[in-house]
Amino acid sequence: MDDIDKKIESPCVRHCCLDDHDICLGCFRSLEEIKQWQTAANEQRQKILNNVASRKAQSKHSWYNIPKT
């Protein structure tokens, strides 16, 4: 399979917890985006990742921000 044919990997980090707006606090995908991921083409996956990046930048509450002990 050529690089162009490879599927973009899921941003899932196995810390699934949905907030009040159905956004996962682990990977920042919406519930709808999580459900669509498996069948989404790379173009749609990239759009989802763009949404993820935007949400992550705006987030104050995620497991990424929990202090490490």
N, C-alpha and C. Protein backbone atom coordinates (compact mmCIF):
# COMPACT_ATOMS: atom_id res chain seq x y z
N MET A 1 0.85 -1.18 0.00
CA MET A 1 0.00 0.00 0.00
C MET A 1 0.90 1.24 0.00
N ASP A 2 0.66 2.17 -0.89
CA ASP A 2 1.41 3.42 -0.94
C ASP A 2 1.02 4.31 0.23
N ASP A 3 1.90 5.27 0.57
CA ASP A 3 1.61 6.20 1.65
C ASP A 3 0.30 6.94 1.44
N ILE A 4 0.01 7.26 0.19
CA ILE A 4 -1.21 8.01 -0.12
C ILE A 4 -2.47 7.18 0.17
N ASP A 5 -2.33 5.85 0.16
CA ASP A 5 -3.46 4.96 0.41
C ASP A 5 -3.63 4.61 1.89
N LYS A 6 -2.66 4.93 2.73
CA LYS A 6 -2.73 4.57 4.14
C LYS A 6 -3.77 5.42 4.85
N LYS A 7 -4.55 4.76 5.69
CA LYS A 7 -5.56 5.45 6.48
C LYS A 7 -4.89 6.26 7.59
N ILE A 8 -5.41 7.45 7.83
CA ILE A 8 -4.95 8.26 8.95
C ILE A 8 -5.38 7.55 10.23
N GLU A 9 -4.45 7.43 11.17
CA GLU A 9 -4.73 6.71 12.42
C GLU A 9 -5.64 7.51 13.34
N SER A 10 -6.39 6.78 14.14
CA SER A 10 -7.30 7.38 15.10
C SER A 10 -6.54 8.14 16.18
N PRO A 11 -7.10 9.28 16.61
CA PRO A 11 -6.47 10.03 17.70
C PRO A 11 -6.83 9.48 19.09
N CYS A 12 -7.54 8.38 19.14
CA CYS A 12 -7.99 7.80 20.41
C CYS A 12 -6.79 7.52 21.31
N VAL A 13 -6.91 7.94 22.58
CA VAL A 13 -5.86 7.72 23.57
C VAL A 13 -6.34 6.80 24.70
N ARG A 14 -7.48 6.18 24.51
CA ARG A 14 -8.05 5.22 25.46
C ARG A 14 -8.37 5.84 26.83
N HIS A 15 -8.73 7.11 26.83
CA HIS A 15 -9.19 7.80 28.03
C HIS A 15 -10.56 8.40 27.71
N CYS A 16 -11.50 7.54 27.44
CA CYS A 16 -12.81 7.96 26.93
C CYS A 16 -13.72 8.44 28.06
N CYS A 17 -14.15 9.66 27.93
CA CYS A 17 -15.10 10.25 28.85
C CYS A 17 -15.73 11.44 28.13
N LEU A 18 -17.03 11.39 27.93
CA LEU A 18 -17.71 12.46 27.20
C LEU A 18 -18.14 13.57 28.15
N ASP A 19 -17.97 14.81 27.72
CA ASP A 19 -18.44 15.94 28.51
C ASP A 19 -19.91 16.20 28.23
N ASP A 20 -20.43 17.30 28.74
CA ASP A 20 -21.85 17.63 28.57
C ASP A 20 -22.24 17.92 27.12
N HIS A 21 -21.24 18.14 26.27
CA HIS A 21 -21.49 18.42 24.86
C HIS A 21 -21.14 17.23 23.97
N ASP A 22 -20.98 16.05 24.58
CA ASP A 22 -20.62 14.82 23.87
C ASP A 22 -19.28 14.93 23.15
N ILE A 23 -18.32 15.60 23.79
CA ILE A 23 -16.95 15.68 23.30
C ILE A 23 -16.09 14.82 24.23
N CYS A 24 -15.30 13.93 23.65
CA CYS A 24 -14.42 13.08 24.44
C CYS A 24 -13.30 13.91 25.05
N LEU A 25 -13.10 13.79 26.35
CA LEU A 25 -12.05 14.53 27.04
C LEU A 25 -10.67 13.92 26.81
N GLY A 26 -10.62 12.74 26.22
CA GLY A 26 -9.34 12.11 25.90
C GLY A 26 -8.81 12.51 24.54
N CYS A 27 -9.66 12.36 23.51
CA CYS A 27 -9.20 12.62 22.13
C CYS A 27 -9.83 13.85 21.49
N PHE A 28 -10.81 14.45 22.16
CA PHE A 28 -11.46 15.68 21.70
C PHE A 28 -12.33 15.51 20.46
N ARG A 29 -12.70 14.27 20.15
CA ARG A 29 -13.66 14.08 19.06
C ARG A 29 -15.07 14.12 19.63
N SER A 30 -16.01 14.54 18.80
CA SER A 30 -17.41 14.47 19.19
C SER A 30 -17.86 13.02 19.09
N LEU A 31 -18.95 12.71 19.77
CA LEU A 31 -19.49 11.35 19.70
C LEU A 31 -19.77 10.98 18.25
N GLU A 32 -20.31 11.90 17.49
CA GLU A 32 -20.61 11.65 16.07
C GLU A 32 -19.32 11.38 15.29
N GLU A 33 -18.27 12.13 15.55
CA GLU A 33 -16.99 11.92 14.86
C GLU A 33 -16.39 10.56 15.23
N ILE A 34 -16.53 10.16 16.48
CA ILE A 34 -16.04 8.85 16.91
C ILE A 34 -16.77 7.75 16.14
N LYS A 35 -18.08 7.89 16.02
CA LYS A 35 -18.87 6.87 15.31
C LYS A 35 -18.53 6.84 13.82
N GLN A 36 -18.20 7.98 13.22
CA GLN A 36 -17.91 8.06 11.79
C GLN A 36 -16.50 7.61 11.44
N TRP A 37 -15.58 7.62 12.40
CA TRP A 37 -14.16 7.43 12.11
C TRP A 37 -13.87 6.16 11.32
N GLN A 38 -14.42 5.05 11.73
CA GLN A 38 -14.08 3.76 11.12
C GLN A 38 -14.34 3.72 9.62
N THR A 39 -15.38 4.37 9.16
CA THR A 39 -15.73 4.33 7.74
C THR A 39 -15.33 5.60 6.98
N ALA A 40 -14.76 6.56 7.68
CA ALA A 40 -14.41 7.84 7.05
C ALA A 40 -13.19 7.70 6.14
N ALA A 41 -13.24 8.38 5.01
CA ALA A 41 -12.08 8.48 4.12
C ALA A 41 -11.08 9.45 4.74
N ASN A 42 -9.85 9.43 4.25
CA ASN A 42 -8.81 10.29 4.81
C ASN A 42 -9.18 11.77 4.79
N GLU A 43 -9.88 12.21 3.77
CA GLU A 43 -10.28 13.62 3.70
C GLU A 43 -11.16 13.98 4.89
N GLN A 44 -12.13 13.13 5.19
CA GLN A 44 -13.02 13.36 6.33
C GLN A 44 -12.25 13.21 7.64
N ARG A 45 -11.34 12.24 7.72
CA ARG A 45 -10.54 12.06 8.93
C ARG A 45 -9.69 13.31 9.20
N GLN A 46 -9.16 13.91 8.15
CA GLN A 46 -8.35 15.11 8.34
C GLN A 46 -9.21 16.26 8.85
N LYS A 47 -10.45 16.37 8.36
CA LYS A 47 -11.36 17.40 8.87
C LYS A 47 -11.63 17.19 10.35
N ILE A 48 -11.81 15.93 10.74
CA ILE A 48 -12.04 15.61 12.15
C ILE A 48 -10.82 16.00 12.97
N LEU A 49 -9.62 15.67 12.47
CA LEU A 49 -8.40 16.02 13.19
C LEU A 49 -8.23 17.53 13.32
N ASN A 50 -8.67 18.27 12.32
CA ASN A 50 -8.64 19.74 12.40
C ASN A 50 -9.57 20.22 13.52
N ASN A 51 -10.75 19.61 13.62
CA ASN A 51 -11.68 19.93 14.70
C ASN A 51 -11.07 19.59 16.05
N VAL A 52 -10.41 18.43 16.12
CA VAL A 52 -9.76 17.98 17.35
C VAL A 52 -8.71 19.00 17.79
N ALA A 53 -7.88 19.45 16.87
CA ALA A 53 -6.83 20.41 17.21
C ALA A 53 -7.42 21.71 17.76
N SER A 54 -8.50 22.15 17.16
CA SER A 54 -9.16 23.37 17.62
C SER A 54 -9.73 23.19 19.02
N ARG A 55 -10.39 22.07 19.25
CA ARG A 55 -10.98 21.81 20.57
C ARG A 55 -9.88 21.67 21.63
N LYS A 56 -8.82 20.97 21.28
CA LYS A 56 -7.73 20.76 22.23
C LYS A 56 -7.10 22.10 22.63
N ALA A 57 -6.93 22.98 21.68
CA ALA A 57 -6.34 24.29 21.95
C ALA A 57 -7.23 25.13 22.88
N GLN A 58 -8.53 24.93 22.78
CA GLN A 58 -9.48 25.70 23.59
C GLN A 58 -9.79 25.05 24.93
N SER A 59 -9.36 23.82 25.12
CA SER A 59 -9.76 23.05 26.29
C SER A 59 -8.97 23.42 27.54
N LYS A 60 -9.70 23.51 28.63
CA LYS A 60 -9.08 23.68 29.94
C LYS A 60 -9.24 22.40 30.76
N HIS A 61 -10.12 21.52 30.31
CA HIS A 61 -10.43 20.31 31.07
C HIS A 61 -10.18 19.08 30.20
N SER A 62 -9.07 18.48 30.40
CA SER A 62 -8.78 17.22 29.72
C SER A 62 -7.77 16.45 30.54
N TRP A 63 -7.65 15.20 30.27
CA TRP A 63 -6.67 14.41 31.01
C TRP A 63 -5.26 14.86 30.70
N TYR A 64 -5.05 15.58 29.58
CA TYR A 64 -3.74 16.12 29.25
C TYR A 64 -3.30 17.16 30.28
N ASN A 65 -4.27 17.84 30.89
CA ASN A 65 -3.95 18.93 31.80
C ASN A 65 -3.88 18.51 33.27
N ILE A 66 -4.07 17.23 33.54
CA ILE A 66 -3.99 16.74 34.91
C ILE A 66 -2.51 16.63 35.29
N PRO A 67 -2.11 17.26 36.41
CA PRO A 67 -0.70 17.20 36.80
C PRO A 67 -0.25 15.76 37.02
N LYS A 68 0.93 15.46 36.55
CA LYS A 68 1.50 14.12 36.71
C LYS A 68 2.12 14.03 38.10
N THR A 69 1.89 12.92 38.78
CA THR A 69 2.45 12.74 40.12
C THR A 69 3.59 11.77 40.11
